[in-house]
Amino acid sequence: MQPLITGEAHTWLSPFEKSVEAVLARRGMPTVVLASGDPFFYGVGATLSRHIPASEMSVIPAPSSFSLAASRLGWPLQDVTVLSLHGRPIDLIRPHLHPGRRILALTSDGKGPVDLAALLLAVGFGQSTLTVLEALGGPHEKVSQQKAADFAPVDINDLNICGIEVKADANARILPVSAGLADELFEHDGQITKREIRAMTLSALTPRRGELLWDIGAGSGSIGIEWMLADPSLRAIAIEASGERVARIRRNAEAFGVPGLTIIEGEAPGALAGLPTPDAIFIGGGGSDAGVLDAAISQLRRGARLVANAVTTEMEAVLLAEHARRGGSLTRIDIARAAPVGGMTGWRPAMPVTQWCWIKP
């Protein structure tokens, strides 16, 4: 019998980029790239298309593992959160853990479902149903279902996808989709933009898909983290001088499911050198230091936004001067919270915040 493949065969290399280079080296020669599923849905097609125009490719897609999993579970795919955790941090699932939701998560190997079950249990979703679908579409296909809290793996195939029906325990860490998350969700030392101010700041920053934010004087990292939570395509760089706070920002980023937050330990303006051009900049700390504001403004492209908050009179004076010089908008934000006053209740004001918003002409 004639073999199915008569040409020269090559296996995928590790790291994956080496295989891409090998494919590109054969440009102009008949070349077949064999991959499972839909190559343009978290697949190799998306990678190759960054180097090769569609006119040079003939693509024959097959059902993706997500489609196969949805068909086995009877889940309408348009109502399911679909995630690829293949070669990516498992923490990315955290923002999607909402009671009643269904999630399909592609894992990297046989250990992936074990790690998922452990994470679900750790953040208060141990009663979620975890279905492991292995080797879908092949002769060794297998589907098994357990509660995350009781998960007991047995020789899980490296080719697997997990279906999760999310159920929250009483102590579950649920991340709302709105801006201005509760301060207590963050690990911080008091250096944090408070939730009401944070919500107004994110509104002023007006994030748009695919954009990059610089968070200068990041403190706990709350602004950069919530910026990234607004859309998976958003990126952020947190610049912070304190090593202790840098470690705290990293822990917060993992806990909020945005491990891709870039963290730069250093003091502005020096730490800004060489960073990719931002679409928006937030200055929450250190803005009154010499050269910080000017350095930030010089890095903005035309049409990019800058938002700076002041709680000290020194920083407020800087913002008043910049507003007089460059224009933009100034907003004074006063927040008061109800608190006990003896046996009664009164309003306890927080420190007022002056906010300057400016778009580079």
Protein backbone atom coordinates (compact mmCIF):
# COMPACT_ATOMS: atom_id res chain seq x y z
CA MET A 1 0.00 0.00 0.00
CA GLN A 2 1.31 3.42 -0.93
CA PRO A 3 1.99 5.58 2.17
CA LEU A 4 -0.38 8.46 2.83
CA ILE A 5 2.47 10.96 2.93
CA THR A 6 5.06 10.49 0.20
CA GLY A 7 7.01 13.70 0.69
CA GLU A 8 9.63 14.66 3.23
CA ALA A 9 8.19 14.71 6.78
CA HIS A 10 9.26 16.99 9.62
CA THR A 11 8.01 17.02 13.21
CA TRP A 12 7.02 20.17 15.07
CA LEU A 13 9.97 21.67 16.92
CA SER A 14 10.19 23.20 20.36
CA PRO A 15 10.04 26.10 20.83
CA PHE A 16 7.27 26.47 18.27
CA GLU A 17 8.93 29.47 16.56
CA LYS A 18 11.62 27.15 15.16
CA SER A 19 8.98 25.27 13.17
CA VAL A 20 7.61 28.54 11.82
CA GLU A 21 11.10 29.44 10.63
CA ALA A 22 11.36 26.04 8.93
CA VAL A 23 8.06 26.58 7.11
CA LEU A 24 9.10 30.06 5.99
CA ALA A 25 12.38 28.65 4.67
CA ARG A 26 10.35 26.52 2.22
CA ARG A 27 8.42 29.48 0.88
CA GLY A 28 7.74 29.01 -2.83
CA MET A 29 7.86 25.20 -2.58
CA PRO A 30 4.82 22.94 -2.08
CA THR A 31 4.51 22.54 1.69
CA VAL A 32 1.79 20.98 3.82
CA VAL A 33 1.36 21.97 7.47
CA LEU A 34 -0.64 19.35 9.35
CA ALA A 35 -2.48 20.52 12.47
CA SER A 36 -5.54 19.35 14.35
CA GLY A 37 -8.82 21.24 14.53
CA ASP A 38 -9.44 24.73 13.19
CA PRO A 39 -6.03 26.31 12.48
CA PHE A 40 -7.45 29.83 12.77
CA PHE A 41 -9.00 29.34 16.20
CA TYR A 42 -6.13 29.36 18.70
CA GLY A 43 -4.19 27.40 16.07
CA VAL A 44 -1.10 27.42 13.89
CA GLY A 45 -2.89 29.24 11.09
CA ALA A 46 -3.06 32.40 13.16
CA THR A 47 0.70 32.23 13.71
CA LEU A 48 1.58 31.56 10.08
CA SER A 49 -0.74 34.32 8.83
CA ARG A 50 1.45 36.87 10.60
CA HIS A 51 4.24 35.91 8.19
CA ILE A 52 2.47 34.59 5.08
CA PRO A 53 -0.41 36.32 3.24
CA ALA A 54 -3.67 34.41 2.83
CA SER A 55 -3.17 34.38 -0.94
CA GLU A 56 -0.22 32.00 -0.49
CA MET A 57 -2.14 29.54 1.70
CA SER A 58 -4.88 27.02 1.07
CA VAL A 59 -6.51 26.16 4.40
CA ILE A 60 -8.72 23.13 5.06
CA PRO A 61 -10.13 23.53 8.59
CA ALA A 62 -11.59 20.75 10.70
CA PRO A 63 -13.87 21.08 13.74
CA SER A 64 -11.97 22.63 16.63
CA SER A 65 -11.66 20.88 19.97
CA PHE A 66 -14.04 23.53 21.34
CA SER A 67 -16.69 22.58 18.76
CA LEU A 68 -16.23 18.88 19.49
CA ALA A 69 -16.43 19.47 23.25
CA ALA A 70 -19.56 21.61 22.94
CA SER A 71 -21.22 18.90 20.85
CA ARG A 72 -20.40 16.21 23.42
CA LEU A 73 -21.74 18.33 26.29
CA GLY A 74 -24.73 19.77 24.44
CA TRP A 75 -23.60 23.33 25.18
CA PRO A 76 -24.49 26.13 22.71
CA LEU A 77 -21.03 27.41 21.86
CA GLN A 78 -22.17 31.03 21.52
CA ASP A 79 -23.16 30.99 25.20
CA VAL A 80 -19.89 29.48 26.44
CA THR A 81 -16.69 31.24 27.52
CA VAL A 82 -13.89 29.76 25.41
CA LEU A 83 -10.30 29.94 26.66
CA SER A 84 -7.00 28.54 25.52
CA LEU A 85 -4.69 27.83 28.45
CA HIS A 86 -2.31 25.91 26.20
CA GLY A 87 1.13 27.26 27.00
CA ARG A 88 -0.46 30.14 28.90
CA PRO A 89 -0.88 30.89 32.63
CA ILE A 90 -3.80 29.10 34.23
CA ASP A 91 -4.63 32.31 36.15
CA LEU A 92 -6.23 33.67 32.96
CA ILE A 93 -9.40 31.80 33.92
CA ARG A 94 -9.98 33.80 37.12
CA PRO A 95 -11.97 36.75 35.68
CA HIS A 96 -14.38 34.31 34.01
CA LEU A 97 -15.38 32.46 37.17
CA HIS A 98 -18.94 33.70 37.59
CA PRO A 99 -21.71 31.53 39.07
CA GLY A 100 -23.80 29.76 36.44
CA ARG A 101 -21.32 30.30 33.61
CA ARG A 102 -19.99 27.54 31.39
CA ILE A 103 -16.33 27.55 30.37
CA LEU A 104 -14.40 25.45 27.87
CA ALA A 105 -10.67 25.59 28.59
CA LEU A 106 -8.02 23.96 26.42
CA THR A 107 -5.08 22.83 28.57
CA SER A 108 -1.42 22.14 27.82
CA ASP A 109 -1.16 18.54 29.00
CA GLY A 110 -2.50 15.84 31.31
CA LYS A 111 -1.65 17.93 34.36
CA GLY A 112 -3.81 20.84 33.19
CA PRO A 113 -7.14 19.53 34.57
CA VAL A 114 -5.45 18.82 37.91
CA ASP A 115 -4.18 22.40 38.10
CA LEU A 116 -7.59 23.75 37.11
CA ALA A 117 -9.34 21.75 39.83
CA ALA A 118 -6.83 22.98 42.41
CA LEU A 119 -7.32 26.61 41.38
CA LEU A 120 -11.12 26.29 41.47
CA LEU A 121 -10.94 24.87 44.97
CA ALA A 122 -8.48 27.54 46.15
CA VAL A 123 -10.65 30.49 45.05
CA GLY A 124 -13.96 29.16 46.33
CA PHE A 125 -15.38 27.30 43.33
CA GLY A 126 -14.79 23.75 44.57
CA GLN A 127 -18.39 22.70 43.90
CA SER A 128 -18.05 23.48 40.20
CA THR A 129 -18.50 20.51 37.87
CA LEU A 130 -15.34 19.72 35.92
CA THR A 131 -15.71 17.58 32.79
CA VAL A 132 -12.50 16.36 31.18
CA LEU A 133 -12.81 15.50 27.49
CA GLU A 134 -9.80 13.58 26.19
CA ALA A 135 -8.58 12.73 22.67
CA LEU A 136 -11.79 14.02 21.08
CA GLY A 137 -12.61 12.56 17.69
CA GLY A 138 -10.14 9.69 18.04
CA PRO A 139 -10.40 6.02 18.96
CA HIS A 140 -9.30 6.73 22.55
CA GLU A 141 -11.86 9.46 23.22
CA LYS A 142 -12.93 9.63 26.85
CA VAL A 143 -15.26 11.90 28.83
CA SER A 144 -15.28 11.99 32.65
CA GLN A 145 -16.97 14.30 35.14
CA GLN A 146 -16.25 15.20 38.78
CA LYS A 147 -16.63 18.03 41.26
CA ALA A 148 -13.49 20.18 41.40
CA ALA A 149 -13.24 19.62 45.16
CA ASP A 150 -13.26 15.83 44.68
CA PHE A 151 -11.13 15.70 41.56
CA ALA A 152 -9.15 12.48 41.34
CA PRO A 153 -7.30 12.23 38.01
CA VAL A 154 -6.45 8.93 36.35
CA ASP A 155 -3.94 8.96 33.46
CA ILE A 156 -5.37 11.99 31.66
CA ASN A 157 -4.46 12.23 27.99
CA ASP A 158 -2.27 15.23 27.12
CA LEU A 159 -4.83 16.13 24.43
CA ASN A 160 -7.68 17.33 26.60
CA ILE A 161 -10.15 20.14 27.06
CA CYS A 162 -12.06 20.93 30.26
CA GLY A 163 -15.70 21.90 30.53
CA ILE A 164 -16.51 23.82 33.71
CA GLU A 165 -19.99 24.53 35.06
CA VAL A 166 -19.19 27.24 37.56
CA LYS A 167 -20.70 27.04 41.04
CA ALA A 168 -19.54 29.42 43.76
CA ASP A 169 -19.02 28.58 47.42
CA ALA A 170 -19.98 31.13 50.07
CA ASN A 171 -16.37 32.39 50.20
CA ALA A 172 -15.78 32.49 46.44
CA ARG A 173 -13.60 35.25 45.01
CA ILE A 174 -15.87 36.63 42.27
CA LEU A 175 -14.47 39.44 40.15
CA PRO A 176 -17.22 41.80 38.90
CA VAL A 177 -17.06 43.05 35.32
CA SER A 178 -17.55 46.68 36.35
CA ALA A 179 -14.76 49.20 36.94
CA GLY A 180 -13.96 50.20 40.49
CA LEU A 181 -13.48 46.84 42.19
CA ALA A 182 -13.60 46.71 45.98
CA ASP A 183 -10.36 47.86 47.62
CA GLU A 184 -10.28 44.77 49.83
CA LEU A 185 -9.93 42.52 46.77
CA PHE A 186 -6.44 43.98 46.29
CA GLU A 187 -3.40 43.34 48.42
CA HIS A 188 -2.09 46.80 49.29
CA ASP A 189 -0.28 48.87 51.91
CA GLY A 190 -2.64 51.83 51.66
CA GLN A 191 -1.04 53.05 48.42
CA ILE A 192 -4.04 52.34 46.22
CA THR A 193 -6.38 54.44 44.10
CA LYS A 194 -9.66 54.02 45.99
CA ARG A 195 -12.49 52.27 44.18
CA GLU A 196 -14.67 55.32 43.41
CA ILE A 197 -11.67 57.33 42.21
CA ARG A 198 -10.43 54.29 40.28
CA ALA A 199 -13.75 53.93 38.46
CA MET A 200 -13.68 57.60 37.45
CA THR A 201 -10.02 57.35 36.44
CA LEU A 202 -10.62 54.34 34.19
CA SER A 203 -13.55 56.16 32.62
CA ALA A 204 -11.28 59.15 31.95
CA LEU A 205 -8.59 56.89 30.44
CA THR A 206 -11.20 55.57 27.94
CA PRO A 207 -9.59 52.19 27.15
CA ARG A 208 -10.00 50.94 23.59
CA ARG A 209 -9.26 47.46 22.31
CA GLY A 210 -5.61 46.67 21.68
CA GLU A 211 -4.25 49.69 23.53
CA LEU A 212 -1.29 50.01 25.90
CA LEU A 213 -1.36 51.87 29.23
CA TRP A 214 1.53 53.14 31.31
CA ASP A 215 0.68 53.21 35.03
CA ILE A 216 3.36 55.43 36.58
CA GLY A 217 3.73 55.13 40.34
CA ALA A 218 1.60 51.99 40.23
CA GLY A 219 1.40 51.31 44.00
CA SER A 220 -0.77 48.19 44.20
CA GLY A 221 -1.20 47.97 40.41
CA SER A 222 -4.97 48.47 40.64
CA ILE A 223 -5.31 50.84 37.66
CA GLY A 224 -3.25 48.70 35.28
CA ILE A 225 -5.01 45.54 36.44
CA GLU A 226 -8.51 46.94 35.92
CA TRP A 227 -7.45 48.40 32.56
CA MET A 228 -6.49 44.87 31.43
CA LEU A 229 -9.65 43.34 32.86
CA ALA A 230 -11.74 45.63 30.64
CA ASP A 231 -10.80 43.60 27.53
CA PRO A 232 -8.39 40.71 26.84
CA SER A 233 -6.66 42.71 24.10
CA LEU A 234 -5.61 45.52 26.46
CA ARG A 235 -2.02 45.70 27.74
CA ALA A 236 -0.46 47.63 30.59
CA ILE A 237 2.95 48.44 32.02
CA ALA A 238 3.16 49.20 35.74
CA ILE A 239 6.14 51.35 36.75
CA GLU A 240 6.93 51.28 40.48
CA ALA A 241 10.07 52.25 42.41
CA SER A 242 9.47 50.13 45.53
CA GLY A 243 10.63 46.52 45.30
CA GLU A 244 8.12 45.48 47.96
CA ARG A 245 5.28 47.03 45.99
CA VAL A 246 6.52 45.46 42.75
CA ALA A 247 6.19 42.02 44.36
CA ARG A 248 2.71 42.98 45.57
CA ILE A 249 1.68 44.13 42.08
CA ARG A 250 2.80 40.79 40.68
CA ARG A 251 0.71 38.88 43.23
CA ASN A 252 -2.30 41.08 42.51
CA ALA A 253 -1.93 40.56 38.76
CA GLU A 254 -1.98 36.79 39.23
CA ALA A 255 -4.92 36.93 41.65
CA PHE A 256 -6.96 39.00 39.19
CA GLY A 257 -6.15 36.79 36.21
CA VAL A 258 -3.97 39.26 34.30
CA PRO A 259 -0.50 37.69 34.66
CA GLY A 260 0.52 39.43 31.42
CA LEU A 261 0.81 42.78 33.22
CA THR A 262 4.34 44.04 32.58
CA ILE A 263 6.01 45.35 35.74
CA ILE A 264 9.02 47.67 35.68
CA GLU A 265 10.88 48.25 38.93
CA GLY A 266 12.36 51.71 38.76
CA GLU A 267 11.77 55.39 39.32
CA ALA A 268 10.31 57.67 36.68
CA PRO A 269 11.39 59.41 34.55
CA GLY A 270 14.46 57.18 34.13
CA ALA A 271 12.43 53.95 34.16
CA LEU A 272 10.37 55.12 31.18
CA ALA A 273 13.28 54.94 28.75
CA GLY A 274 12.91 52.33 26.02
CA LEU A 275 9.33 51.35 26.84
CA PRO A 276 6.89 50.83 23.94
CA THR A 277 4.83 53.90 23.05
CA PRO A 278 1.65 54.11 25.14
CA ASP A 279 -1.87 54.96 24.03
CA ALA A 280 -2.70 56.26 27.50
CA ILE A 281 -0.76 57.19 30.64
CA PHE A 282 -1.94 57.34 34.23
CA ILE A 283 0.13 59.11 36.86
CA GLY A 284 -0.97 58.29 40.37
CA GLY A 285 2.26 58.60 42.30
CA GLY A 286 5.46 60.61 41.93
CA GLY A 287 3.95 63.04 39.44
CA SER A 288 5.29 66.06 41.30
CA ASP A 289 8.88 64.77 41.04
CA ALA A 290 11.10 66.70 38.66
CA GLY A 291 10.76 65.68 35.03
CA VAL A 292 8.12 62.97 35.46
CA LEU A 293 5.18 64.73 33.84
CA ASP A 294 7.24 66.22 31.02
CA ALA A 295 8.83 62.84 30.27
CA ALA A 296 5.43 61.15 30.18
CA ILE A 297 3.95 63.78 27.87
CA SER A 298 6.93 63.55 25.51
CA GLN A 299 6.26 59.82 25.03
CA LEU A 300 2.61 60.21 24.09
CA ARG A 301 1.69 59.98 20.44
CA ARG A 302 -0.76 62.43 18.92
CA GLY A 303 -4.30 61.73 20.14
CA ALA A 304 -3.13 59.70 23.16
CA ARG A 305 -4.52 60.43 26.62
CA LEU A 306 -3.00 61.36 29.95
CA VAL A 307 -4.80 61.27 33.30
CA ALA A 308 -3.08 62.43 36.48
CA ASN A 309 -4.51 62.42 40.00
CA ALA A 310 -3.37 64.64 42.86
CA VAL A 311 -4.03 64.25 46.58
CA THR A 312 -1.20 66.52 47.76
CA THR A 313 -1.07 70.29 47.34
CA GLU A 314 2.32 69.95 45.63
CA MET A 315 0.94 67.66 42.93
CA GLU A 316 -2.21 69.75 42.64
CA ALA A 317 -0.06 72.82 41.96
CA VAL A 318 1.69 70.92 39.16
CA LEU A 319 -1.64 69.93 37.59
CA LEU A 320 -3.06 73.45 37.86
CA ALA A 321 0.01 74.79 36.08
CA GLU A 322 -0.20 72.14 33.34
CA HIS A 323 -3.89 72.84 32.83
CA ALA A 324 -3.17 76.56 32.45
CA ARG A 325 -0.37 75.78 30.01
CA ARG A 326 -1.84 72.95 27.92
CA GLY A 327 -5.59 72.94 28.51
CA GLY A 328 -7.54 69.74 29.03
CA SER A 329 -10.05 69.28 31.85
CA LEU A 330 -9.77 69.59 35.62
CA THR A 331 -12.10 67.75 37.98
CA ARG A 332 -12.29 67.92 41.75
CA ILE A 333 -13.52 64.67 43.29
CA ASP A 334 -14.82 64.59 46.86
CA ILE A 335 -16.00 61.31 48.38
CA ALA A 336 -17.56 60.86 51.82
CA ARG A 337 -18.61 57.61 53.48
CA ALA A 338 -21.11 57.07 56.25
CA ALA A 339 -19.43 56.23 59.57
CA PRO A 340 -20.44 56.01 63.24
CA VAL A 341 -20.45 59.28 65.17
CA GLY A 342 -21.02 58.27 68.75
CA GLY A 343 -24.32 56.44 68.71
CA MET A 344 -25.36 58.00 65.41
CA THR A 345 -24.09 58.16 61.82
CA GLY A 346 -22.32 60.93 59.95
CA TRP A 347 -20.32 61.54 56.80
CA ARG A 348 -16.55 61.01 56.96
CA PRO A 349 -14.83 62.68 53.99
CA ALA A 350 -11.92 61.06 52.17
CA MET A 351 -9.02 63.16 50.92
CA PRO A 352 -10.17 65.16 47.88
CA VAL A 353 -8.61 64.30 44.53
CA THR A 354 -7.82 66.71 41.71
CA GLN A 355 -7.83 65.00 38.32
CA TRP A 356 -6.33 66.44 35.15
CA CYS A 357 -7.26 64.84 31.81
CA TRP A 358 -5.49 65.82 28.61
CA ILE A 359 -5.33 64.57 25.01
CA LYS A 360 -2.11 65.28 23.15
CA PRO A 361 -2.84 67.46 20.09
